[in-house]
Amino acid sequence: MIKFLKVTNAPNTGQLISIDGIKSVSTASAVATSVTIGYVDGSATVVTTAAQVDSDVYSLIVDSIQTAASTPWQKPYYEIVSPKAVTSIVNS
């Protein structure tokens, strides 16, 4: 079953991020304004926020992927609230 993270404080409330086929999650630094989720098919999702503090947004996403993957199949999405204001979530 495909699973998603549901970002409840995104500009488009309830925006979903697929956790199916993730090969990497990265951020440029502990204070960067973006977290990139790379997929095995070559696509990516970029979550842009206010500046992170000690990689807090990155850590939330990584931890939430693990939690979401372990939820029952009847729950296709796992709700998260970013510790920083989300300005955009772009899939490419």
C-alpha atoms as a PDB file:
ATOM      1  CA  MET A   1       0.000   0.000   0.000  1.00  0.00           C
ATOM      2  CA  ILE A   2       1.256   3.468  -0.866  1.00  0.00           C
ATOM      3  CA  LYS A   3       1.795   5.736   2.139  1.00  0.00           C
ATOM      4  CA  PHE A   4       1.987   9.507   2.430  1.00  0.00           C
ATOM      5  CA  LEU A   5       3.046  12.203   4.845  1.00  0.00           C
ATOM      6  CA  LYS A   6       0.271  14.782   5.201  1.00  0.00           C
ATOM      7  CA  VAL A   7       1.760  18.192   5.995  1.00  0.00           C
ATOM      8  CA  THR A   8      -0.992  19.986   7.892  1.00  0.00           C
ATOM      9  CA  ASN A   9       0.704  23.389   8.032  1.00  0.00           C
ATOM     10  CA  ALA A  10       1.679  23.598   4.347  1.00  0.00           C
ATOM     11  CA  PRO A  11       0.407  26.540   2.252  1.00  0.00           C
ATOM     12  CA  ASN A  12      -2.070  24.131   0.632  1.00  0.00           C
ATOM     13  CA  THR A  13      -3.351  22.598   3.857  1.00  0.00           C
ATOM     14  CA  GLY A  14      -3.053  18.840   3.898  1.00  0.00           C
ATOM     15  CA  GLN A  15      -0.539  18.549   1.073  1.00  0.00           C
ATOM     16  CA  LEU A  16       0.660  14.964   0.654  1.00  0.00           C
ATOM     17  CA  ILE A  17       4.220  13.694   0.189  1.00  0.00           C
ATOM     18  CA  SER A  18       4.592  10.129  -1.071  1.00  0.00           C
ATOM     19  CA  ILE A  19       6.924   7.889   0.926  1.00  0.00           C
ATOM     20  CA  ASP A  20       6.757   5.152  -1.713  1.00  0.00           C
ATOM     21  CA  GLY A  21      10.039   4.622  -3.563  1.00  0.00           C
ATOM     22  CA  ILE A  22      12.185   7.015  -1.526  1.00  0.00           C
ATOM     23  CA  LYS A  23      15.906   6.554  -2.054  1.00  0.00           C
ATOM     24  CA  SER A  24      17.221   9.615  -0.172  1.00  0.00           C
ATOM     25  CA  VAL A  25      16.330  12.518   2.086  1.00  0.00           C
ATOM     26  CA  SER A  26      18.796  15.390   2.235  1.00  0.00           C
ATOM     27  CA  THR A  27      19.368  18.947   3.355  1.00  0.00           C
ATOM     28  CA  ALA A  28      22.342  21.194   2.579  1.00  0.00           C
ATOM     29  CA  SER A  29      23.055  22.162   6.185  1.00  0.00           C
ATOM     30  CA  ALA A  30      21.599  22.264   9.695  1.00  0.00           C
ATOM     31  CA  VAL A  31      20.123  25.710   8.942  1.00  0.00           C
ATOM     32  CA  ALA A  32      19.107  25.215   5.277  1.00  0.00           C
ATOM     33  CA  THR A  33      15.668  26.274   4.073  1.00  0.00           C
ATOM     34  CA  SER A  34      14.914  23.142   2.058  1.00  0.00           C
ATOM     35  CA  VAL A  35      14.728  19.383   2.438  1.00  0.00           C
ATOM     36  CA  THR A  36      14.856  17.256  -0.716  1.00  0.00           C
ATOM     37  CA  ILE A  37      13.246  13.823  -0.930  1.00  0.00           C
ATOM     38  CA  GLY A  38      14.646  11.821  -3.853  1.00  0.00           C
ATOM     39  CA  TYR A  39      12.809   8.877  -5.413  1.00  0.00           C
ATOM     40  CA  VAL A  40      14.092   5.818  -7.263  1.00  0.00           C
ATOM     41  CA  ASP A  41      12.396   6.999 -10.486  1.00  0.00           C
ATOM     42  CA  GLY A  42      14.542  10.165 -10.505  1.00  0.00           C
ATOM     43  CA  SER A  43      11.811  12.554  -9.350  1.00  0.00           C
ATOM     44  CA  ALA A  44      12.069  14.662  -6.196  1.00  0.00           C
ATOM     45  CA  THR A  45       9.960  16.563  -3.705  1.00  0.00           C
ATOM     46  CA  VAL A  46      11.423  19.740  -2.224  1.00  0.00           C
ATOM     47  CA  VAL A  47       9.983  21.054   1.043  1.00  0.00           C
ATOM     48  CA  THR A  48      10.895  24.722   1.546  1.00  0.00           C
ATOM     49  CA  THR A  49      10.602  26.251   5.014  1.00  0.00           C
ATOM     50  CA  ALA A  50      11.948  29.009   7.197  1.00  0.00           C
ATOM     51  CA  ALA A  51      15.566  28.331   8.214  1.00  0.00           C
ATOM     52  CA  GLN A  52      15.964  25.084  10.156  1.00  0.00           C
ATOM     53  CA  VAL A  53      17.456  24.911  13.620  1.00  0.00           C
ATOM     54  CA  ASP A  54      19.771  21.920  14.024  1.00  0.00           C
ATOM     55  CA  SER A  55      18.155  20.154  11.016  1.00  0.00           C
ATOM     56  CA  ASP A  56      14.765  20.026  12.767  1.00  0.00           C
ATOM     57  CA  VAL A  57      12.636  19.827   9.598  1.00  0.00           C
ATOM     58  CA  TYR A  58      14.929  17.186   8.076  1.00  0.00           C
ATOM     59  CA  SER A  59      14.788  15.104  11.278  1.00  0.00           C
ATOM     60  CA  LEU A  60      10.990  15.365  11.432  1.00  0.00           C
ATOM     61  CA  ILE A  61      10.646  14.139   7.841  1.00  0.00           C
ATOM     62  CA  VAL A  62      13.077  11.226   8.291  1.00  0.00           C
ATOM     63  CA  ASP A  63      11.477  10.128  11.583  1.00  0.00           C
ATOM     64  CA  SER A  64       7.962  10.512  10.158  1.00  0.00           C
ATOM     65  CA  ILE A  65       8.770   8.362   7.114  1.00  0.00           C
ATOM     66  CA  GLN A  66       9.747   5.524   9.432  1.00  0.00           C
ATOM     67  CA  THR A  67       6.649   5.987  11.582  1.00  0.00           C
ATOM     68  CA  ALA A  68       4.299   6.237   8.597  1.00  0.00           C
ATOM     69  CA  ALA A  69       5.741   3.092   7.037  1.00  0.00           C
ATOM     70  CA  SER A  70       4.984   1.143  10.214  1.00  0.00           C
ATOM     71  CA  THR A  71       1.319   2.204  10.474  1.00  0.00           C
ATOM     72  CA  PRO A  72      -1.463  -0.221   9.462  1.00  0.00           C
ATOM     73  CA  TRP A  73      -2.433  -0.389   5.774  1.00  0.00           C
ATOM     74  CA  GLN A  74      -5.821   1.144   6.651  1.00  0.00           C
ATOM     75  CA  LYS A  75      -4.037   4.449   7.380  1.00  0.00           C
ATOM     76  CA  PRO A  76      -2.580   5.638   4.054  1.00  0.00           C
ATOM     77  CA  TYR A  77      -1.262   8.929   5.429  1.00  0.00           C
ATOM     78  CA  TYR A  78       0.535  10.101   8.547  1.00  0.00           C
ATOM     79  CA  GLU A  79      -0.054  13.701   9.643  1.00  0.00           C
ATOM     80  CA  ILE A  80       2.913  15.918  10.465  1.00  0.00           C
ATOM     81  CA  VAL A  81       3.315  19.560  11.472  1.00  0.00           C
ATOM     82  CA  SER A  82       6.570  21.170  10.430  1.00  0.00           C
ATOM     83  CA  PRO A  83       8.424  22.936  13.252  1.00  0.00           C
ATOM     84  CA  LYS A  84       9.062  25.791  10.778  1.00  0.00           C
ATOM     85  CA  ALA A  85       6.651  27.613   8.501  1.00  0.00           C
ATOM     86  CA  VAL A  86       6.319  25.731   5.197  1.00  0.00           C
ATOM     87  CA  THR A  87       6.451  28.066   2.203  1.00  0.00           C
ATOM     88  CA  SER A  88       6.151  25.409  -0.519  1.00  0.00           C
ATOM     89  CA  ILE A  89       6.177  21.720  -1.365  1.00  0.00           C
ATOM     90  CA  VAL A  90       7.128  21.089  -4.987  1.00  0.00           C
ATOM     91  CA  ASN A  91       7.160  17.723  -6.751  1.00  0.00           C
ATOM     92  CA  SER A  92       9.296  17.417  -9.868  1.00  0.00           C
END
